[in-house]
Protein backbone atom coordinates (compact mmCIF):
# COMPACT_ATOMS: atom_id res chain seq x y z
CA MET A 1 0.38 -23.30 -117.25
CA LYS A 2 2.27 -20.14 -116.35
CA THR A 3 -1.13 -18.46 -115.56
CA ARG A 4 -2.00 -21.48 -113.23
CA THR A 5 1.34 -21.19 -111.51
CA LYS A 6 0.91 -17.41 -111.04
CA ILE A 7 -2.56 -18.13 -109.44
CA VAL A 8 -1.18 -20.71 -107.06
CA ALA A 9 1.68 -18.46 -106.08
CA GLY A 10 -0.76 -15.55 -105.51
CA VAL A 11 -3.04 -17.75 -103.38
CA GLY A 12 -0.09 -19.14 -101.41
CA GLY A 13 1.28 -15.53 -100.86
CA LEU A 14 -2.15 -14.37 -99.69
CA ALA A 15 -2.40 -17.38 -97.25
CA LEU A 16 1.07 -16.66 -96.05
CA ALA A 17 0.33 -13.04 -95.59
CA ALA A 18 -2.92 -13.95 -93.79
CA LEU A 19 -1.01 -16.36 -91.55
CA VAL A 20 1.67 -13.78 -90.68
CA THR A 21 -1.08 -11.14 -90.04
CA TRP A 22 -2.87 -13.61 -87.70
CA ALA A 23 0.35 -14.54 -85.94
CA LEU A 24 1.33 -10.84 -85.44
CA ARG A 25 -2.17 -9.76 -84.37
CA PRO A 26 -2.33 -8.44 -80.70
CA GLN A 27 -2.85 -11.20 -78.29
CA PRO A 28 -5.61 -10.96 -75.75
CA ILE A 29 -4.58 -9.67 -72.35
CA PRO A 30 -5.19 -12.08 -69.45
CA VAL A 31 -7.19 -10.30 -66.69
CA GLU A 32 -8.69 -11.01 -63.31
CA VAL A 33 -12.27 -9.93 -62.92
CA ALA A 34 -14.72 -9.32 -60.11
CA VAL A 35 -18.40 -8.31 -60.07
CA VAL A 36 -20.09 -5.23 -58.84
CA SER A 37 -21.96 -6.26 -55.62
CA GLN A 38 -24.65 -4.52 -53.65
CA GLY A 39 -24.97 -4.74 -49.92
CA MET A 40 -23.64 -3.52 -46.57
CA PHE A 41 -20.57 -1.27 -46.73
CA GLU A 42 -18.42 -0.45 -43.69
CA GLN A 43 -15.54 1.93 -42.90
CA TRP A 44 -13.27 1.12 -40.14
CA ILE A 45 -10.14 2.11 -38.29
CA SER A 46 -7.74 -0.84 -38.00
CA GLU A 47 -4.96 -0.70 -35.37
CA ASP A 48 -3.33 -3.05 -32.89
CA GLY A 49 -3.29 -2.79 -29.16
CA LYS A 50 -3.04 -4.85 -25.87
CA THR A 51 -5.41 -6.37 -23.45
CA ARG A 52 -5.31 -5.15 -19.81
CA VAL A 53 -7.22 -5.86 -16.60
CA ARG A 54 -9.54 -3.03 -15.45
CA ASP A 55 -8.78 -3.33 -11.76
CA ARG A 56 -5.41 -4.38 -10.56
CA TYR A 57 -3.76 -4.18 -7.15
CA VAL A 58 -0.20 -4.11 -6.02
CA VAL A 59 0.46 -5.54 -2.48
CA SER A 60 3.34 -3.57 -0.85
CA ALA A 61 5.35 -3.98 2.27
CA PRO A 62 3.62 -2.34 5.27
CA LEU A 63 6.89 -2.20 7.15
CA ALA A 64 10.63 -2.12 6.34
CA GLY A 65 12.10 -5.61 6.98
CA ARG A 66 13.21 -8.91 5.59
CA VAL A 67 10.69 -10.64 3.41
CA GLN A 68 10.72 -14.48 3.13
CA ARG A 69 10.88 -15.98 -0.34
CA ILE A 70 7.32 -15.78 -1.93
CA VAL A 71 6.07 -19.16 -2.99
CA LEU A 72 3.20 -17.99 -4.98
CA LYS A 73 3.52 -18.09 -8.84
CA ALA A 74 2.03 -16.01 -11.56
CA GLY A 75 -1.39 -17.46 -12.47
CA ASP A 76 -2.10 -18.86 -8.91
CA ASN A 77 -5.63 -18.13 -7.71
CA ILE A 78 -5.94 -16.51 -4.29
CA GLU A 79 -8.70 -15.68 -1.86
CA GLU A 80 -9.31 -12.41 -0.03
CA GLY A 81 -7.34 -12.36 3.15
CA GLN A 82 -4.94 -15.08 1.99
CA ILE A 83 -1.27 -14.61 2.96
CA VAL A 84 0.87 -13.59 0.09
CA ALA A 85 4.14 -12.76 1.88
CA VAL A 86 5.78 -13.09 5.32
CA LEU A 87 7.77 -10.11 6.60
CA THR A 88 10.14 -9.82 9.54
CA PRO A 89 10.44 -6.17 10.65
CA THR A 90 13.91 -4.79 11.01
CA MET A 91 13.89 -1.41 12.74
CA PRO A 92 17.25 -0.16 14.13
CA ALA A 93 16.94 2.10 17.16
CA PHE A 94 18.53 5.18 15.39
CA LEU A 95 15.78 4.93 12.76
CA ASP A 96 12.80 4.56 15.19
CA ALA A 97 11.77 8.23 15.00
CA ARG A 98 11.96 8.54 11.35
CA ALA A 99 10.21 5.22 10.76
CA GLU A 100 7.39 6.21 13.07
CA ASN A 101 6.85 9.49 11.14
CA GLU A 102 6.88 7.52 7.88
CA ILE A 103 4.19 5.13 9.10
CA ILE A 104 2.10 7.96 10.46
CA GLU A 105 2.20 9.69 7.05
CA ARG A 106 1.35 6.50 5.44
CA VAL A 107 -1.74 6.13 7.61
CA GLY A 108 -2.82 9.71 6.74
CA ALA A 109 -2.27 9.05 3.04
CA ALA A 110 -4.30 5.76 3.12
CA GLU A 111 -7.11 7.57 5.14
CA ALA A 112 -7.21 10.35 2.47
CA LEU A 113 -7.35 7.79 -0.37
CA ARG A 114 -10.28 6.02 1.39
CA LEU A 115 -12.23 9.23 1.65
CA ARG A 116 -11.51 10.04 -1.96
CA ALA A 117 -12.67 6.51 -3.02
CA ASN A 118 -15.88 7.02 -0.99
CA ALA A 119 -16.48 10.34 -2.80
CA GLU A 120 -15.85 8.63 -6.11
CA ILE A 121 -18.50 6.01 -5.24
CA ARG A 122 -21.19 8.74 -4.48
CA LYS A 123 -20.14 10.48 -7.71
CA ALA A 124 -20.36 7.14 -9.80
CA GLU A 125 -23.67 6.23 -8.23
CA ALA A 126 -25.21 9.65 -9.05
CA GLN A 127 -23.93 9.33 -12.58
CA PHE A 128 -25.45 5.90 -12.91
CA ALA A 129 -28.77 7.10 -11.59
CA GLN A 130 -28.82 10.02 -14.22
CA VAL A 131 -27.92 7.61 -17.13
CA ALA A 132 -30.42 5.00 -16.00
CA ALA A 133 -33.17 7.67 -16.02
CA ASP A 134 -32.05 8.86 -19.43
CA ARG A 135 -32.07 5.25 -20.65
CA ASP A 136 -35.75 4.74 -19.41
CA ARG A 137 -36.83 8.00 -21.09
CA THR A 138 -35.05 7.00 -24.43
CA ALA A 139 -36.69 3.51 -24.31
CA LYS A 140 -40.23 5.14 -24.08
CA LEU A 141 -39.40 7.55 -26.88
CA ALA A 142 -38.03 4.59 -28.96
CA GLN A 143 -41.19 2.67 -28.45
CA GLN A 144 -43.05 5.67 -29.84
CA GLY A 145 -40.76 6.02 -32.85
CA PHE A 146 -39.21 9.41 -31.79
CA VAL A 147 -35.64 8.34 -31.42
CA SER A 148 -33.49 5.86 -33.50
CA ALA A 149 -32.30 2.42 -32.57
CA ALA A 150 -28.72 3.83 -32.42
CA ALA A 151 -29.66 6.37 -29.82
CA ARG A 152 -31.26 3.62 -27.67
CA GLU A 153 -28.07 1.50 -27.98
CA GLN A 154 -26.01 4.47 -26.85
CA SER A 155 -28.17 4.92 -23.78
CA ASP A 156 -27.81 1.18 -23.06
CA LEU A 157 -24.02 1.51 -23.34
CA ALA A 158 -23.93 4.56 -21.17
CA VAL A 159 -25.84 2.53 -18.44
CA ARG A 160 -23.24 -0.30 -18.63
CA THR A 161 -20.41 2.11 -18.59
CA ALA A 162 -21.77 3.82 -15.54
CA GLU A 163 -22.31 0.53 -13.85
CA ARG A 164 -18.92 -0.59 -14.26
CA ALA A 165 -17.66 2.85 -13.12
CA VAL A 166 -19.55 2.15 -9.84
CA ASP A 167 -17.94 -1.30 -9.63
CA ALA A 168 -14.47 0.30 -10.17
CA ALA A 169 -15.11 2.97 -7.51
CA ARG A 170 -16.21 0.26 -4.99
CA PHE A 171 -13.04 -1.82 -5.80
CA ALA A 172 -10.90 1.35 -5.19
CA GLU A 173 -12.62 1.97 -1.87
CA HIS A 174 -12.21 -1.59 -0.89
CA THR A 175 -8.50 -1.50 -1.61
CA ALA A 176 -8.08 1.87 0.07
CA GLU A 177 -9.76 0.46 3.23
CA HIS A 178 -7.30 -2.47 3.08
CA ASP A 179 -4.31 -0.03 2.77
CA GLU A 180 -5.51 2.04 5.67
CA ALA A 181 -5.98 -1.10 7.81
CA GLN A 182 -2.58 -2.26 6.97
CA ALA A 183 -0.92 1.10 7.71
CA ARG A 184 -2.86 1.40 11.08
CA ALA A 185 -1.82 -2.13 11.97
CA ALA A 186 1.74 -1.33 11.04
CA LEU A 187 1.68 1.77 13.27
CA ALA A 188 0.16 -0.20 16.25
CA ARG A 189 2.76 -2.83 15.77
CA TYR A 190 5.59 -0.36 15.67
CA ARG A 191 4.46 1.31 18.91
CA ALA A 192 4.06 -2.03 20.60
CA GLU A 193 7.63 -2.96 19.49
CA SER A 194 8.89 0.30 20.80
CA ALA A 195 7.20 -0.26 24.23
CA GLY A 196 8.75 -3.73 24.32
CA LYS A 197 5.41 -5.50 24.20
CA VAL A 198 6.21 -7.36 20.89
CA SER A 199 9.35 -8.97 19.76
CA ARG A 200 10.91 -7.34 16.74
CA SER A 201 11.77 -10.75 15.45
CA ALA A 202 8.02 -11.63 15.24
CA ARG A 203 6.67 -12.24 11.68
CA TRP A 204 4.16 -9.97 9.91
CA ASP A 205 1.71 -11.56 7.45
CA VAL A 206 0.94 -9.56 4.37
CA ARG A 207 -2.44 -10.61 3.17
CA SER A 208 -4.30 -10.12 -0.19
CA PRO A 209 -6.97 -7.47 -0.24
CA ILE A 210 -9.09 -9.11 -2.90
CA LYS A 211 -9.98 -12.33 -4.55
CA GLY A 212 -8.24 -13.00 -7.94
CA SER A 213 -5.09 -14.24 -9.54
CA VAL A 214 -1.43 -13.43 -9.39
CA LEU A 215 -0.44 -11.37 -12.29
CA GLN A 216 3.23 -10.86 -11.30
CA ILE A 217 5.64 -11.58 -8.51
CA ILE A 218 7.57 -8.37 -8.16
CA HIS A 219 9.81 -9.46 -5.42
CA GLU A 220 10.15 -13.19 -5.40
CA SER A 221 13.45 -13.93 -3.58
CA GLU A 222 14.15 -13.37 0.16
CA GLY A 223 15.66 -10.11 1.02
CA VAL A 224 15.37 -6.77 2.74
CA VAL A 225 12.70 -4.49 1.51
CA ALA A 226 11.84 -0.93 2.25
CA LEU A 227 8.46 0.38 3.58
CA GLY A 228 6.01 0.47 0.74
CA ALA A 229 8.10 -1.72 -1.61
CA PRO A 230 5.85 -3.60 -4.12
CA LEU A 231 5.71 -7.36 -3.66
CA VAL A 232 2.92 -8.92 -5.62
CA GLU A 233 0.47 -7.71 -8.30
CA ILE A 234 -3.03 -9.15 -8.15
CA ALA A 235 -6.14 -8.82 -10.38
CA ASP A 236 -9.05 -10.67 -11.82
CA PRO A 237 -7.51 -11.72 -15.23
CA ARG A 238 -10.97 -12.14 -16.89
CA SER A 239 -12.06 -8.55 -16.29
CA LEU A 240 -10.25 -7.57 -19.42
CA GLU A 241 -10.45 -4.65 -21.78
CA ALA A 242 -8.44 -3.71 -24.77
CA ALA A 243 -6.41 -0.47 -25.25
CA VAL A 244 -5.82 0.38 -28.81
CA ASP A 245 -3.74 3.33 -29.79
CA VAL A 246 -5.01 5.22 -32.93
CA LEU A 247 -3.78 8.31 -34.67
CA SER A 248 -5.14 11.49 -33.11
CA GLN A 249 -6.58 12.69 -36.38
CA ASP A 250 -8.71 9.45 -36.51
CA ALA A 251 -9.59 9.62 -32.87
CA ILE A 252 -11.61 12.86 -33.25
CA ASN A 253 -14.30 10.75 -35.20
CA LEU A 254 -14.60 8.07 -32.46
CA VAL A 255 -17.33 8.28 -29.85
CA PRO A 256 -18.27 5.73 -27.06
CA GLY A 257 -20.71 3.20 -28.32
CA LEU A 258 -19.13 2.44 -31.74
CA GLU A 259 -18.92 -1.19 -32.74
CA ALA A 260 -15.53 -2.89 -32.98
CA ARG A 261 -14.13 -6.27 -33.79
CA ILE A 262 -11.17 -7.87 -31.89
CA GLU A 263 -8.86 -10.53 -33.20
CA LEU A 264 -6.52 -12.40 -30.93
CA GLY A 265 -4.85 -14.65 -33.41
CA PRO A 266 -5.36 -16.45 -36.88
CA GLU A 267 -7.03 -19.40 -35.45
CA THR A 268 -9.26 -17.73 -32.85
CA PRO A 269 -12.82 -16.35 -33.45
CA ARG A 270 -13.35 -12.69 -33.55
CA LEU A 271 -14.87 -11.08 -30.55
CA ALA A 272 -17.39 -8.41 -30.60
CA ALA A 273 -16.61 -5.22 -28.64
CA ARG A 274 -17.60 -1.53 -28.28
CA VAL A 275 -15.75 1.64 -27.63
CA ARG A 276 -16.06 2.47 -23.91
CA LYS A 277 -13.80 5.58 -23.75
CA VAL A 278 -11.51 7.67 -25.85
CA GLU A 279 -8.80 8.95 -23.52
CA PRO A 280 -8.43 12.75 -23.41
CA ALA A 281 -4.64 12.88 -23.71
CA ALA A 282 -2.49 11.94 -26.65
CA PHE A 283 1.10 10.76 -26.69
CA THR A 284 4.04 10.60 -29.11
CA LYS A 285 4.93 7.29 -30.70
CA VAL A 286 7.68 6.65 -33.22
CA SER A 287 6.43 4.48 -36.14
CA THR A 288 8.25 1.60 -37.83
CA LEU A 289 9.29 4.08 -40.47
CA GLY A 290 10.86 6.32 -37.78
CA ILE A 291 8.08 9.00 -38.02
CA GLU A 292 6.83 10.63 -34.87
CA GLU A 293 2.98 10.18 -34.53
CA GLN A 294 0.43 11.67 -32.02
CA ARG A 295 -1.64 8.75 -30.83
CA VAL A 296 -4.64 8.37 -28.46
CA ASN A 297 -5.65 5.27 -26.39
CA VAL A 298 -9.09 4.08 -27.23
CA ILE A 299 -10.52 1.56 -24.65
CA LEU A 300 -12.65 -1.24 -25.98
CA GLU A 301 -14.88 -3.48 -23.73
CA PHE A 302 -15.66 -7.01 -24.76
CA GLU A 303 -19.34 -7.84 -25.50
CA GLU A 304 -18.87 -11.61 -25.78
CA PRO A 305 -17.78 -14.10 -23.06
CA LEU A 306 -14.05 -14.57 -22.97
CA GLU A 307 -14.69 -18.28 -22.45
CA ARG A 308 -14.75 -18.49 -26.32
CA VAL A 309 -10.97 -18.01 -26.21
CA ARG A 310 -8.90 -20.85 -24.66
CA THR A 311 -6.14 -18.47 -23.37
CA ILE A 312 -6.24 -14.77 -22.80
CA GLY A 313 -4.85 -12.59 -20.24
CA ASP A 314 -3.25 -9.15 -19.37
CA GLY A 315 -0.96 -7.71 -21.93
CA PHE A 316 -1.97 -9.97 -24.95
CA ARG A 317 -1.53 -8.32 -28.44
CA VAL A 318 -4.76 -7.78 -30.29
CA ASP A 319 -5.86 -6.49 -33.64
CA ALA A 320 -8.87 -4.21 -33.52
CA GLN A 321 -11.28 -2.80 -36.26
CA ILE A 322 -13.49 0.13 -35.03
CA VAL A 323 -16.43 0.64 -37.27
CA THR A 324 -16.91 4.35 -38.08
CA PHE A 325 -19.51 4.13 -40.77
CA ARG A 326 -21.98 1.59 -42.12
CA SER A 327 -24.75 1.84 -44.71
CA GLN A 328 -26.96 -0.70 -46.45
CA ALA A 329 -27.68 -1.45 -50.15
CA GLU A 330 -24.61 0.23 -51.56
CA ALA A 331 -23.17 -0.57 -55.03
CA LYS A 332 -19.63 -1.64 -54.39
CA VAL A 333 -16.48 -2.61 -56.32
CA PRO A 334 -13.01 -3.73 -55.22
CA VAL A 335 -10.67 -0.79 -54.67
CA ALA A 336 -8.15 -2.77 -56.80
CA ALA A 337 -10.49 -2.08 -59.90
CA LEU A 338 -10.23 1.70 -59.73
CA PHE A 339 -7.56 3.94 -61.30
CA ARG A 340 -7.25 7.64 -61.90
CA ASN A 341 -7.64 9.22 -65.41
CA GLY A 342 -6.90 12.90 -64.77
CA MET A 343 -9.33 14.05 -62.14
CA GLN A 344 -11.77 11.22 -62.64
CA TRP A 345 -12.10 7.76 -61.23
CA CYS A 346 -12.31 5.01 -63.97
CA LEU A 347 -12.38 1.26 -64.20
CA PHE A 348 -12.57 -1.39 -66.91
CA VAL A 349 -15.83 -3.18 -67.65
CA VAL A 350 -15.78 -6.65 -69.35
CA ASP A 351 -17.75 -6.20 -72.57
CA GLY A 352 -17.67 -9.62 -74.32
CA ASP A 353 -13.87 -10.12 -75.13
CA ARG A 354 -13.15 -6.46 -74.87
CA ALA A 355 -12.36 -4.06 -72.05
CA LYS A 356 -14.46 -1.04 -71.86
CA GLN A 357 -13.26 2.00 -69.87
CA GLN A 358 -15.96 3.41 -67.72
CA THR A 359 -15.95 6.67 -65.70
CA VAL A 360 -17.45 6.29 -62.15
CA ILE A 361 -18.21 8.49 -59.16
CA VAL A 362 -16.64 7.07 -56.01
CA GLY A 363 -18.05 7.74 -52.62
CA ARG A 364 -16.64 6.20 -49.43
CA ARG A 365 -13.86 3.71 -49.54
CA ASN A 366 -12.25 1.17 -47.03
CA ALA A 367 -9.15 -0.96 -47.46
CA THR A 368 -10.91 -3.40 -49.86
CA GLU A 369 -14.19 -1.85 -51.25
CA ALA A 370 -15.40 1.32 -52.68
CA VAL A 371 -18.97 2.70 -53.04
CA ILE A 372 -19.76 3.81 -56.64
CA ASP A 373 -22.80 5.39 -58.25
CA GLN A 374 -25.46 3.17 -59.41
CA ARG A 375 -24.69 3.37 -63.20
CA LEU A 376 -23.18 -0.05 -63.14
CA GLY A 377 -25.66 -2.67 -62.02
CA PRO A 378 -24.93 -5.54 -59.59
CA GLY A 379 -23.26 -8.50 -61.45
CA THR A 380 -21.36 -6.37 -63.88
CA GLU A 381 -17.88 -7.66 -64.34
CA VAL A 382 -15.01 -5.32 -63.78
CA ILE A 383 -11.28 -5.86 -64.16
CA VAL A 384 -9.11 -5.75 -61.00
CA TYR A 385 -5.48 -4.80 -60.90
CA PRO A 386 -5.53 -3.48 -64.66
CA SER A 387 -2.07 -3.44 -66.19
CA GLU A 388 -0.45 -0.69 -68.01
CA ALA A 389 -0.97 -2.46 -71.29
CA LEU A 390 -4.77 -2.47 -70.89
CA ARG A 391 -6.55 0.20 -73.06
CA ASP A 392 -10.12 0.95 -73.90
CA GLY A 393 -11.33 -1.49 -76.46
CA ALA A 394 -8.30 -4.04 -75.94
CA ARG A 395 -8.99 -7.70 -76.30
CA ILE A 396 -8.98 -9.63 -73.12
CA VAL A 397 -9.26 -13.25 -71.84
CA VAL A 398 -10.44 -13.92 -68.37
CA ALA A 399 -7.80 -15.72 -66.39
CA LYS A 400 -9.40 -15.62 -62.98
CA ARG A 401 -12.67 -14.66 -61.44
CA ARG A 402 -12.97 -13.45 -57.79
CA ASP A 403 -15.94 -14.58 -55.87
CA ASP A 404 -15.20 -12.86 -52.58
CA SER A 405 -16.74 -9.51 -51.68
CA GLY A 406 -13.46 -8.16 -50.21
CA ARG A 407 -15.05 -7.42 -46.86
CA PRO A 408 -13.01 -8.17 -43.78
């Protein structure tokens, strides 16, 4: 009986010890996993910026006088030659000589601007002819396989950019001609008033030099304005581009023709764009952390019709991604799966119910993905956001699987 009791007690003790050992054993660590994927990889620069109209015009007062209240409102469409303001000249006798000199100088400045605009047209047309010829040569070489598709795209972009430069130069000449005509008309009006041929109380109609929309009423209320005072700002609100300021150290890698994506809001479609110009001068900007940064404006042109967006205009905030590198058939993992072990990059691979530490060679990275060497095949599960408790060989349990690729 005593022997049997000892046996039962021994078995019970062993069972209790086994139960305690089982209860105190290390619990599996819950982890989130993703898979190694293979496909296109991109690097990009992500910054915010603003939209702006390419060509804008500020209608100013051709004479000193009292302007009537401007009835136009921002957003109103106007035609070329439409009256935008009505001015009643007021020129006291003791200011006549000075006023005449000011108007004569204004005529001379307007004439100089017209001549300069005419020269800019000839320059832009010559550049357009050159890039068009280069584009034709590149197209022939591309058909023969001597140049890449990227080079052909660059030549097409150069033609479009040169064509828009011609349009901008013609717009500048048109506005300069309007300014000169206004200045000459003001001088003739002044001399007629001085000779007593025209009443000084006669109204002067200030007209729009272009067809477009009103961006801003600068001087809305009735009041006295000086010669050259701005009254109304006019432009074509759909001829938009985006100005994005990037760090100067990032701007050195940007060239015209690079692809870009523009986001206007969370519920609007992305719009394709391209880098048109990297401005040559940087400026200082204080970041949200209070750090002074040197930044450069990068000008993006939209490649899709803006009719896809319900409302967009001058000065709208945008988020832009400028693609600086792209390659195909790359092995990729989420950046969140990588960690440093000394001088090496490592990650944890899921091996059954165990985590296996693996050393990898990391190539290029972006905000979400990293290119690694091909030792891990597509479909291999890796652990993202590994905790400090995770060690090589640790027991794990998969709590969540990521199906997204992490691409923007």
